[in-house]
Amino acid sequence: IDIKRIIEHLPRQRLGVLITDHNVRETLAVCERAYIVSQGHLIAHGTPQQILEDEQVKRVYLGEDFRL
């Protein structure tokens, strides 16, 4: 089963899903909104693009050189 394909069809059925994963590339590719938690604290939330541009997310989680 292609999980990505299933997740992409959920909005048509007016369904949502919460994904917890450390694979940022895969997760941001299928989500409309993301929440980044570091050491138990929410440090950022927004669209995948907003997450990628967030300086604190880069510093704490992604690294300055992260690219999709």
PDB file of N, CA and C in Angstrom:
ATOM      1  N   ILE A   1       0.851  -1.183   0.000  1.00  0.00           N
ATOM      2  CA  ILE A   1       0.000   0.000   0.000  1.00  0.00           C
ATOM      3  C   ILE A   1       0.889   1.237   0.000  1.00  0.00           C
ATOM      4  N   ASP A   2       0.571   2.167  -0.866  1.00  0.00           N
ATOM      5  CA  ASP A   2       1.315   3.418  -0.935  1.00  0.00           C
ATOM      6  C   ASP A   2       0.674   4.412   0.036  1.00  0.00           C
ATOM      7  N   ILE A   3       1.283   4.572   1.192  1.00  0.00           N
ATOM      8  CA  ILE A   3       0.741   5.439   2.241  1.00  0.00           C
ATOM      9  C   ILE A   3       0.602   6.877   1.745  1.00  0.00           C
ATOM     10  N   LYS A   4       1.572   7.343   0.978  1.00  0.00           N
ATOM     11  CA  LYS A   4       1.521   8.717   0.467  1.00  0.00           C
ATOM     12  C   LYS A   4       0.254   8.936  -0.364  1.00  0.00           C
ATOM     13  N   ARG A   5      -0.073   7.998  -1.206  1.00  0.00           N
ATOM     14  CA  ARG A   5      -1.265   8.117  -2.053  1.00  0.00           C
ATOM     15  C   ARG A   5      -2.537   8.139  -1.195  1.00  0.00           C
ATOM     16  N   ILE A   6      -2.586   7.313  -0.175  1.00  0.00           N
ATOM     17  CA  ILE A   6      -3.749   7.288   0.718  1.00  0.00           C
ATOM     18  C   ILE A   6      -3.904   8.632   1.424  1.00  0.00           C
ATOM     19  N   ILE A   7      -2.807   9.166   1.950  1.00  0.00           N
ATOM     20  CA  ILE A   7      -2.848  10.444   2.669  1.00  0.00           C
ATOM     21  C   ILE A   7      -3.301  11.569   1.749  1.00  0.00           C
ATOM     22  N   GLU A   8      -2.845  11.553   0.502  1.00  0.00           N
ATOM     23  CA  GLU A   8      -3.223  12.605  -0.443  1.00  0.00           C
ATOM     24  C   GLU A   8      -4.716  12.588  -0.759  1.00  0.00           C
ATOM     25  N   HIS A   9      -5.373  11.451  -0.634  1.00  0.00           N
ATOM     26  CA  HIS A   9      -6.804  11.353  -0.929  1.00  0.00           C
ATOM     27  C   HIS A   9      -7.694  11.670   0.270  1.00  0.00           C
ATOM     28  N   LEU A  10      -7.145  11.755   1.449  1.00  0.00           N
ATOM     29  CA  LEU A  10      -7.952  11.994   2.650  1.00  0.00           C
ATOM     30  C   LEU A  10      -8.748  13.300   2.624  1.00  0.00           C
ATOM     31  N   PRO A  11      -8.186  14.425   2.164  1.00  0.00           N
ATOM     32  CA  PRO A  11      -8.981  15.668   2.161  1.00  0.00           C
ATOM     33  C   PRO A  11     -10.263  15.569   1.327  1.00  0.00           C
ATOM     34  N   ARG A  12     -10.248  14.788   0.270  1.00  0.00           N
ATOM     35  CA  ARG A  12     -11.458  14.621  -0.546  1.00  0.00           C
ATOM     36  C   ARG A  12     -12.573  13.948   0.243  1.00  0.00           C
ATOM     37  N   GLN A  13     -12.181  13.163   1.229  1.00  0.00           N
ATOM     38  CA  GLN A  13     -13.150  12.473   2.077  1.00  0.00           C
ATOM     39  C   GLN A  13     -13.420  13.263   3.356  1.00  0.00           C
ATOM     40  N   ARG A  14     -12.880  14.471   3.415  1.00  0.00           N
ATOM     41  CA  ARG A  14     -13.008  15.356   4.575  1.00  0.00           C
ATOM     42  C   ARG A  14     -12.455  14.698   5.838  1.00  0.00           C
ATOM     43  N   LEU A  15     -11.324  14.020   5.656  1.00  0.00           N
ATOM     44  CA  LEU A  15     -10.639  13.359   6.759  1.00  0.00           C
ATOM     45  C   LEU A  15      -9.249  13.948   6.925  1.00  0.00           C
ATOM     46  N   GLY A  16      -8.751  13.873   8.124  1.00  0.00           N
ATOM     47  CA  GLY A  16      -7.387  14.312   8.396  1.00  0.00           C
ATOM     48  C   GLY A  16      -6.641  13.210   9.117  1.00  0.00           C
ATOM     49  N   VAL A  17      -5.353  13.384   9.222  1.00  0.00           N
ATOM     50  CA  VAL A  17      -4.526  12.397   9.898  1.00  0.00           C
ATOM     51  C   VAL A  17      -3.367  13.114  10.576  1.00  0.00           C
ATOM     52  N   LEU A  18      -2.968  12.607  11.712  1.00  0.00           N
ATOM     53  CA  LEU A  18      -1.806  13.136  12.420  1.00  0.00           C
ATOM     54  C   LEU A  18      -0.657  12.164  12.206  1.00  0.00           C
ATOM     55  N   ILE A  19       0.433  12.661  11.661  1.00  0.00           N
ATOM     56  CA  ILE A  19       1.612  11.837  11.403  1.00  0.00           C
ATOM     57  C   ILE A  19       2.730  12.318  12.307  1.00  0.00           C
ATOM     58  N   THR A  20       3.348  11.411  13.008  1.00  0.00           N
ATOM     59  CA  THR A  20       4.563  11.750  13.749  1.00  0.00           C
ATOM     60  C   THR A  20       5.686  10.967  13.098  1.00  0.00           C
ATOM     61  N   ASP A  21       6.690  11.687  12.643  1.00  0.00           N
ATOM     62  CA  ASP A  21       7.752  11.047  11.876  1.00  0.00           C
ATOM     63  C   ASP A  21       8.994  11.917  11.921  1.00  0.00           C
ATOM     64  N   HIS A  22      10.135  11.297  11.809  1.00  0.00           N
ATOM     65  CA  HIS A  22      11.388  12.039  11.759  1.00  0.00           C
ATOM     66  C   HIS A  22      11.884  12.214  10.325  1.00  0.00           C
ATOM     67  N   ASN A  23      11.161  11.674   9.354  1.00  0.00           N
ATOM     68  CA  ASN A  23      11.537  11.828   7.957  1.00  0.00           C
ATOM     69  C   ASN A  23      10.870  13.095   7.415  1.00  0.00           C
ATOM     70  N   VAL A  24      11.560  14.207   7.561  1.00  0.00           N
ATOM     71  CA  VAL A  24      10.999  15.513   7.211  1.00  0.00           C
ATOM     72  C   VAL A  24      10.659  15.600   5.729  1.00  0.00           C
ATOM     73  N   ARG A  25      11.500  15.094   4.878  1.00  0.00           N
ATOM     74  CA  ARG A  25      11.248  15.188   3.434  1.00  0.00           C
ATOM     75  C   ARG A  25       9.927  14.518   3.054  1.00  0.00           C
ATOM     76  N   GLU A  26       9.732  13.297   3.508  1.00  0.00           N
ATOM     77  CA  GLU A  26       8.504  12.569   3.180  1.00  0.00           C
ATOM     78  C   GLU A  26       7.278  13.224   3.804  1.00  0.00           C
ATOM     79  N   THR A  27       7.399  13.633   5.041  1.00  0.00           N
ATOM     80  CA  THR A  27       6.250  14.193   5.748  1.00  0.00           C
ATOM     81  C   THR A  27       5.822  15.533   5.160  1.00  0.00           C
ATOM     82  N   LEU A  28       6.767  16.437   4.913  1.00  0.00           N
ATOM     83  CA  LEU A  28       6.408  17.746   4.354  1.00  0.00           C
ATOM     84  C   LEU A  28       5.855  17.626   2.938  1.00  0.00           C
ATOM     85  N   ALA A  29       6.210  16.565   2.244  1.00  0.00           N
ATOM     86  CA  ALA A  29       5.719  16.373   0.877  1.00  0.00           C
ATOM     87  C   ALA A  29       4.228  16.039   0.835  1.00  0.00           C
ATOM     88  N   VAL A  30       3.669  15.541   1.936  1.00  0.00           N
ATOM     89  CA  VAL A  30       2.263  15.126   1.912  1.00  0.00           C
ATOM     90  C   VAL A  30       1.356  15.929   2.840  1.00  0.00           C
ATOM     91  N   CYS A  31       1.914  16.857   3.596  1.00  0.00           N
ATOM     92  CA  CYS A  31       1.069  17.556   4.572  1.00  0.00           C
ATOM     93  C   CYS A  31       0.700  18.963   4.105  1.00  0.00           C
ATOM     94  N   GLU A  32      -0.407  19.452   4.647  1.00  0.00           N
ATOM     95  CA  GLU A  32      -0.826  20.829   4.408  1.00  0.00           C
ATOM     96  C   GLU A  32      -0.308  21.747   5.503  1.00  0.00           C
ATOM     97  N   ARG A  33      -0.197  21.207   6.724  1.00  0.00           N
ATOM     98  CA  ARG A  33       0.307  21.954   7.878  1.00  0.00           C
ATOM     99  C   ARG A  33       1.245  21.048   8.643  1.00  0.00           C
ATOM    100  N   ALA A  34       2.244  21.655   9.254  1.00  0.00           N
ATOM    101  CA  ALA A  34       3.216  20.892  10.038  1.00  0.00           C
ATOM    102  C   ALA A  34       3.441  21.576  11.377  1.00  0.00           C
ATOM    103  N   TYR A  35       3.773  20.779  12.347  1.00  0.00           N
ATOM    104  CA  TYR A  35       4.091  21.255  13.696  1.00  0.00           C
ATOM    105  C   TYR A  35       5.428  20.644  14.074  1.00  0.00           C
ATOM    106  N   ILE A  36       6.369  21.478  14.464  1.00  0.00           N
ATOM    107  CA  ILE A  36       7.696  21.002  14.833  1.00  0.00           C
ATOM    108  C   ILE A  36       7.841  21.099  16.345  1.00  0.00           C
ATOM    109  N   VAL A  37       8.150  19.962  16.955  1.00  0.00           N
ATOM    110  CA  VAL A  37       8.322  19.882  18.400  1.00  0.00           C
ATOM    111  C   VAL A  37       9.776  19.535  18.685  1.00  0.00           C
ATOM    112  N   SER A  38      10.372  20.276  19.600  1.00  0.00           N
ATOM    113  CA  SER A  38      11.748  20.012  20.019  1.00  0.00           C
ATOM    114  C   SER A  38      11.788  19.980  21.539  1.00  0.00           C
ATOM    115  N   GLN A  39      12.287  18.912  22.081  1.00  0.00           N
ATOM    116  CA  GLN A  39      12.404  18.724  23.527  1.00  0.00           C
ATOM    117  C   GLN A  39      11.080  18.988  24.246  1.00  0.00           C
ATOM    118  N   GLY A  40       9.998  18.509  23.635  1.00  0.00           N
ATOM    119  CA  GLY A  40       8.685  18.619  24.249  1.00  0.00           C
ATOM    120  C   GLY A  40       7.978  19.949  24.071  1.00  0.00           C
ATOM    121  N   HIS A  41       8.574  20.864  23.312  1.00  0.00           N
ATOM    122  CA  HIS A  41       7.978  22.191  23.116  1.00  0.00           C
ATOM    123  C   HIS A  41       7.713  22.441  21.633  1.00  0.00           C
ATOM    124  N   LEU A  42       6.543  23.007  21.355  1.00  0.00           N
ATOM    125  CA  LEU A  42       6.215  23.401  19.993  1.00  0.00           C
ATOM    126  C   LEU A  42       7.075  24.601  19.627  1.00  0.00           C
ATOM    127  N   ILE A  43       7.893  24.457  18.588  1.00  0.00           N
ATOM    128  CA  ILE A  43       8.754  25.580  18.198  1.00  0.00           C
ATOM    129  C   ILE A  43       8.299  26.254  16.915  1.00  0.00           C
ATOM    130  N   ALA A  44       7.444  25.577  16.133  1.00  0.00           N
ATOM    131  CA  ALA A  44       6.955  26.199  14.897  1.00  0.00           C
ATOM    132  C   ALA A  44       5.756  25.423  14.375  1.00  0.00           C
ATOM    133  N   HIS A  45       4.914  26.132  13.632  1.00  0.00           N
ATOM    134  CA  HIS A  45       3.814  25.487  12.927  1.00  0.00           C
ATOM    135  C   HIS A  45       3.497  26.323  11.706  1.00  0.00           C
ATOM    136  N   GLY A  46       2.978  25.667  10.683  1.00  0.00           N
ATOM    137  CA  GLY A  46       2.624  26.370   9.464  1.00  0.00           C
ATOM    138  C   GLY A  46       2.630  25.438   8.273  1.00  0.00           C
ATOM    139  N   THR A  47       2.597  26.035   7.104  1.00  0.00           N
ATOM    140  CA  THR A  47       2.661  25.252   5.878  1.00  0.00           C
ATOM    141  C   THR A  47       4.062  24.663   5.747  1.00  0.00           C
ATOM    142  N   PRO A  48       4.225  23.658   4.903  1.00  0.00           N
ATOM    143  CA  PRO A  48       5.574  23.128   4.703  1.00  0.00           C
ATOM    144  C   PRO A  48       6.581  24.220   4.315  1.00  0.00           C
ATOM    145  N   GLN A  49       6.171  25.144   3.467  1.00  0.00           N
ATOM    146  CA  GLN A  49       7.083  26.219   3.060  1.00  0.00           C
ATOM    147  C   GLN A  49       7.466  27.100   4.245  1.00  0.00           C
ATOM    148  N   GLN A  50       6.503  27.435   5.083  1.00  0.00           N
ATOM    149  CA  GLN A  50       6.801  28.243   6.273  1.00  0.00           C
ATOM    150  C   GLN A  50       7.763  27.507   7.206  1.00  0.00           C
ATOM    151  N   ILE A  51       7.578  26.209   7.353  1.00  0.00           N
ATOM    152  CA  ILE A  51       8.474  25.415   8.200  1.00  0.00           C
ATOM    153  C   ILE A  51       9.887  25.451   7.639  1.00  0.00           C
ATOM    154  N   LEU A  52      10.024  25.268   6.341  1.00  0.00           N
ATOM    155  CA  LEU A  52      11.350  25.261   5.712  1.00  0.00           C
ATOM    156  C   LEU A  52      12.059  26.600   5.825  1.00  0.00           C
ATOM    157  N   GLU A  53      11.307  27.690   5.893  1.00  0.00           N
ATOM    158  CA  GLU A  53      11.898  29.027   5.963  1.00  0.00           C
ATOM    159  C   GLU A  53      12.122  29.515   7.392  1.00  0.00           C
ATOM    160  N   ASP A  54      11.608  28.803   8.376  1.00  0.00           N
ATOM    161  CA  ASP A  54      11.690  29.234   9.771  1.00  0.00           C
ATOM    162  C   ASP A  54      13.122  29.094  10.297  1.00  0.00           C
ATOM    163  N   GLU A  55      13.694  30.190  10.749  1.00  0.00           N
ATOM    164  CA  GLU A  55      15.089  30.197  11.206  1.00  0.00           C
ATOM    165  C   GLU A  55      15.311  29.315  12.432  1.00  0.00           C
ATOM    166  N   GLN A  56      14.357  29.308  13.356  1.00  0.00           N
ATOM    167  CA  GLN A  56      14.522  28.465  14.540  1.00  0.00           C
ATOM    168  C   GLN A  56      14.466  26.983  14.162  1.00  0.00           C
ATOM    169  N   VAL A  57      13.593  26.616  13.248  1.00  0.00           N
ATOM    170  CA  VAL A  57      13.510  25.227  12.792  1.00  0.00           C
ATOM    171  C   VAL A  57      14.820  24.823  12.126  1.00  0.00           C
ATOM    172  N   LYS A  58      15.363  25.706  11.309  1.00  0.00           N
ATOM    173  CA  LYS A  58      16.654  25.411  10.674  1.00  0.00           C
ATOM    174  C   LYS A  58      17.738  25.195  11.718  1.00  0.00           C
ATOM    175  N   ARG A  59      17.777  26.068  12.694  1.00  0.00           N
ATOM    176  CA  ARG A  59      18.826  26.021  13.711  1.00  0.00           C
ATOM    177  C   ARG A  59      18.692  24.790  14.616  1.00  0.00           C
ATOM    178  N   VAL A  60      17.466  24.494  15.045  1.00  0.00           N
ATOM    179  CA  VAL A  60      17.250  23.445  16.044  1.00  0.00           C
ATOM    180  C   VAL A  60      17.037  22.065  15.427  1.00  0.00           C
ATOM    181  N   TYR A  61      16.395  22.006  14.265  1.00  0.00           N
ATOM    182  CA  TYR A  61      15.937  20.712  13.769  1.00  0.00           C
ATOM    183  C   TYR A  61      16.501  20.323  12.402  1.00  0.00           C
ATOM    184  N   LEU A  62      16.382  21.199  11.424  1.00  0.00           N
ATOM    185  CA  LEU A  62      16.749  20.839  10.057  1.00  0.00           C
ATOM    186  C   LEU A  62      18.226  21.009   9.740  1.00  0.00           C
ATOM    187  N   GLY A  63      18.823  22.043  10.297  1.00  0.00           N
ATOM    188  CA  GLY A  63      20.183  22.405   9.902  1.00  0.00           C
ATOM    189  C   GLY A  63      20.122  23.453   8.808  1.00  0.00           C
ATOM    190  N   GLU A  64      21.119  24.278   8.743  1.00  0.00           N
ATOM    191  CA  GLU A  64      21.132  25.399   7.787  1.00  0.00           C
ATOM    192  C   GLU A  64      21.176  24.948   6.328  1.00  0.00           C
ATOM    193  N   ASP A  65      21.732  23.783   6.048  1.00  0.00           N
ATOM    194  CA  ASP A  65      21.910  23.327   4.668  1.00  0.00           C
ATOM    195  C   ASP A  65      20.808  22.387   4.186  1.00  0.00           C
ATOM    196  N   PHE A  66      19.742  22.226   4.952  1.00  0.00           N
ATOM    197  CA  PHE A  66      18.673  21.291   4.586  1.00  0.00           C
ATOM    198  C   PHE A  66      17.993  21.729   3.299  1.00  0.00           C
ATOM    199  N   ARG A  67      17.772  20.788   2.405  1.00  0.00           N
ATOM    200  CA  ARG A  67      17.050  21.030   1.147  1.00  0.00           C
ATOM    201  C   ARG A  67      16.099  19.867   0.910  1.00  0.00           C
ATOM    202  N   LEU A  68      14.922  20.163   0.362  1.00  0.00           N
ATOM    203  CA  LEU A  68      13.984  19.085   0.002  1.00  0.00           C
ATOM    204  C   LEU A  68      14.432  18.399  -1.259  1.00  0.00           C
TER     205      LEU A  68
END
